Amino acid sequence: MSVIQKLSLPSQVSLYVLLGLMGLFALLLLFWQVMVLKGRAMKNPDGSADDWHDQKAHYGMAFADVLLACPAILAGIVLVFAAPRWGYYLLALSGFWFVWTNTMTTANSLRFEKPRITPAWFITFPLGTILGLAYIVWSVINFDAIYFP
């Protein structure tokens, strides 16, 4: 019996929803950051732009996302099914990454850009924080089942 099968039905459903949303978010971020690395200025919904020609830090963030964060999230999702304990460890670390980076970008957006809060802005900035917190809370609730099967 796999670790996932030992979880209650609501825990399984919420895990699949979280995995789907985290995977989609990672793929969108990967696409976005590859465009930044290619030198394309990407407009954000708050009026700012990710252009490493203007701010070299954007290149470093895009490089880290493309080579580390997005592959770690996607590998964690795959590992949940192939080697569950490693997948849960990797996704827990990714959850903290989601919280940290998206809180940072949301705070900067609110402080310096003073954006209109639209659905596009919500998806671009605070959604990652919510996903990261949701996964961390899910893993705390299911701690015994996933780490001590």
Protein backbone atom coordinates (compact mmCIF):
# COMPACT_ATOMS: atom_id res chain seq x y z
CA MET A 1 0.00 0.00 0.00
CA SER A 2 1.48 3.35 -1.05
CA VAL A 3 1.72 6.41 1.15
CA ILE A 4 -0.94 8.18 -0.89
CA GLN A 5 -3.40 5.32 -0.42
CA LYS A 6 -2.93 5.56 3.36
CA LEU A 7 -4.17 9.17 3.32
CA SER A 8 -7.84 9.94 3.88
CA LEU A 9 -9.91 10.80 0.81
CA PRO A 10 -10.02 14.57 1.59
CA SER A 11 -6.23 14.54 2.07
CA GLN A 12 -5.72 12.74 -1.23
CA VAL A 13 -8.00 15.13 -3.11
CA SER A 14 -6.37 18.19 -1.58
CA LEU A 15 -2.91 16.77 -2.37
CA TYR A 16 -3.82 16.25 -6.03
CA VAL A 17 -5.25 19.78 -6.25
CA LEU A 18 -2.12 21.24 -4.63
CA LEU A 19 0.18 19.22 -6.90
CA GLY A 20 -1.73 20.36 -9.97
CA LEU A 21 -1.68 24.02 -8.96
CA MET A 22 1.98 23.94 -7.92
CA GLY A 23 2.93 22.23 -11.18
CA LEU A 24 0.97 24.72 -13.28
CA PHE A 25 2.48 27.62 -11.35
CA ALA A 26 6.00 26.21 -11.83
CA LEU A 27 5.45 25.75 -15.58
CA LEU A 28 4.13 29.31 -15.98
CA LEU A 29 7.06 30.66 -13.97
CA LEU A 30 9.51 28.59 -16.00
CA PHE A 31 8.11 29.97 -19.27
CA TRP A 32 8.14 33.53 -17.92
CA GLN A 33 11.70 33.33 -16.62
CA VAL A 34 13.04 31.74 -19.81
CA MET A 35 11.69 34.77 -21.67
CA VAL A 36 13.48 37.06 -19.20
CA LEU A 37 16.74 35.12 -19.72
CA LYS A 38 16.34 35.52 -23.47
CA GLY A 39 16.46 39.28 -22.89
CA ARG A 40 12.79 40.01 -23.34
CA ALA A 41 11.31 42.66 -21.03
CA MET A 42 8.24 41.08 -19.45
CA LYS A 43 5.52 43.45 -18.24
CA ASN A 44 3.96 42.61 -14.87
CA PRO A 45 0.31 43.31 -14.07
CA ASP A 46 1.31 45.94 -11.51
CA GLY A 47 3.00 48.15 -14.10
CA SER A 48 6.56 47.00 -13.38
CA ALA A 49 8.71 45.02 -15.80
CA ASP A 50 11.14 42.15 -15.41
CA ASP A 51 13.96 43.38 -17.60
CA TRP A 52 17.47 42.37 -16.70
CA HIS A 53 18.87 45.07 -18.95
CA ASP A 54 17.52 47.62 -16.45
CA GLN A 55 17.97 45.59 -13.26
CA LYS A 56 20.62 42.88 -13.27
CA ALA A 57 18.97 41.21 -10.24
CA HIS A 58 16.14 40.06 -12.52
CA TYR A 59 18.64 37.97 -14.48
CA GLY A 60 19.85 36.28 -11.30
CA MET A 61 16.31 35.55 -10.13
CA ALA A 62 15.33 34.18 -13.54
CA PHE A 63 18.48 32.03 -13.64
CA ALA A 64 17.74 30.60 -10.16
CA ASP A 65 14.11 29.91 -11.05
CA VAL A 66 14.96 28.17 -14.33
CA LEU A 67 17.85 26.07 -13.03
CA LEU A 68 16.79 25.37 -9.46
CA ALA A 69 13.30 26.27 -8.26
CA CYS A 70 11.09 25.15 -11.14
CA PRO A 71 12.93 21.85 -11.72
CA ALA A 72 12.82 21.14 -7.95
CA ILE A 73 9.06 21.67 -7.85
CA LEU A 74 8.43 19.52 -10.91
CA ALA A 75 10.80 16.82 -9.64
CA GLY A 76 9.06 16.89 -6.26
CA ILE A 77 5.70 16.32 -7.93
CA VAL A 78 7.06 13.35 -9.88
CA LEU A 79 8.79 11.96 -6.80
CA VAL A 80 5.55 12.03 -4.77
CA PHE A 81 4.47 9.14 -7.00
CA ALA A 82 7.85 7.46 -7.59
CA ALA A 83 9.56 7.85 -4.19
CA PRO A 84 6.98 9.53 -1.94
CA ARG A 85 9.13 10.46 1.05
CA TRP A 86 11.68 12.28 -1.18
CA GLY A 87 8.85 13.98 -3.05
CA TYR A 88 7.29 15.26 0.16
CA TYR A 89 10.68 16.53 1.40
CA LEU A 90 11.37 18.32 -1.87
CA LEU A 91 7.89 19.82 -2.01
CA ALA A 92 8.15 21.01 1.60
CA LEU A 93 11.31 22.91 0.65
CA SER A 94 9.55 24.20 -2.46
CA GLY A 95 6.63 25.33 -0.30
CA PHE A 96 8.99 27.50 1.74
CA TRP A 97 10.45 28.84 -1.51
CA PHE A 98 6.94 29.70 -2.74
CA VAL A 99 6.20 31.56 0.50
CA TRP A 100 9.46 33.48 0.60
CA THR A 101 9.75 34.59 -3.01
CA ASN A 102 6.11 35.40 -3.53
CA THR A 103 5.83 37.31 -0.25
CA MET A 104 8.89 39.32 -1.29
CA THR A 105 7.50 40.13 -4.75
CA THR A 106 4.03 40.90 -3.39
CA ALA A 107 5.44 43.27 -0.77
CA ASN A 108 7.58 45.02 -3.39
CA SER A 109 4.62 45.32 -5.74
CA LEU A 110 2.38 46.80 -3.04
CA ARG A 111 5.05 49.12 -1.69
CA PHE A 112 6.61 50.46 -4.87
CA GLU A 113 4.03 50.00 -7.63
CA LYS A 114 0.76 50.54 -5.71
CA PRO A 115 -1.13 48.29 -8.15
CA ARG A 116 -4.78 47.77 -8.83
CA ILE A 117 -5.62 44.38 -7.37
CA THR A 118 -6.83 42.41 -10.39
CA PRO A 119 -7.04 38.65 -11.01
CA ALA A 120 -3.85 38.83 -13.13
CA TRP A 121 -2.02 40.64 -10.31
CA PHE A 122 -3.26 38.06 -7.78
CA ILE A 123 -2.02 35.14 -9.90
CA THR A 124 1.34 36.82 -10.55
CA PHE A 125 2.14 37.83 -6.98
CA PRO A 126 0.35 36.42 -3.87
CA LEU A 127 -0.96 33.13 -5.32
CA GLY A 128 2.44 31.46 -4.87
CA THR A 129 2.47 32.42 -1.18
CA ILE A 130 -0.97 30.89 -0.73
CA LEU A 131 0.08 27.69 -2.54
CA GLY A 132 3.24 27.38 -0.45
CA LEU A 133 1.35 27.94 2.80
CA ALA A 134 -1.37 25.50 1.74
CA TYR A 135 1.21 22.77 1.05
CA ILE A 136 3.02 23.43 4.34
CA VAL A 137 -0.26 23.29 6.28
CA TRP A 138 -1.28 20.13 4.39
CA SER A 139 2.04 18.46 5.24
CA VAL A 140 1.74 19.43 8.93
CA ILE A 141 -1.79 18.00 9.10
CA ASN A 142 -0.68 14.78 7.39
CA PHE A 143 2.80 14.67 8.96
CA ASP A 144 2.51 11.21 10.52
CA ALA A 145 1.01 9.62 7.40
CA ILE A 146 3.57 10.99 4.94
CA TYR A 147 6.78 10.92 6.97
CA PHE A 148 6.15 7.85 9.16
CA PRO A 149 4.18 5.42 6.98
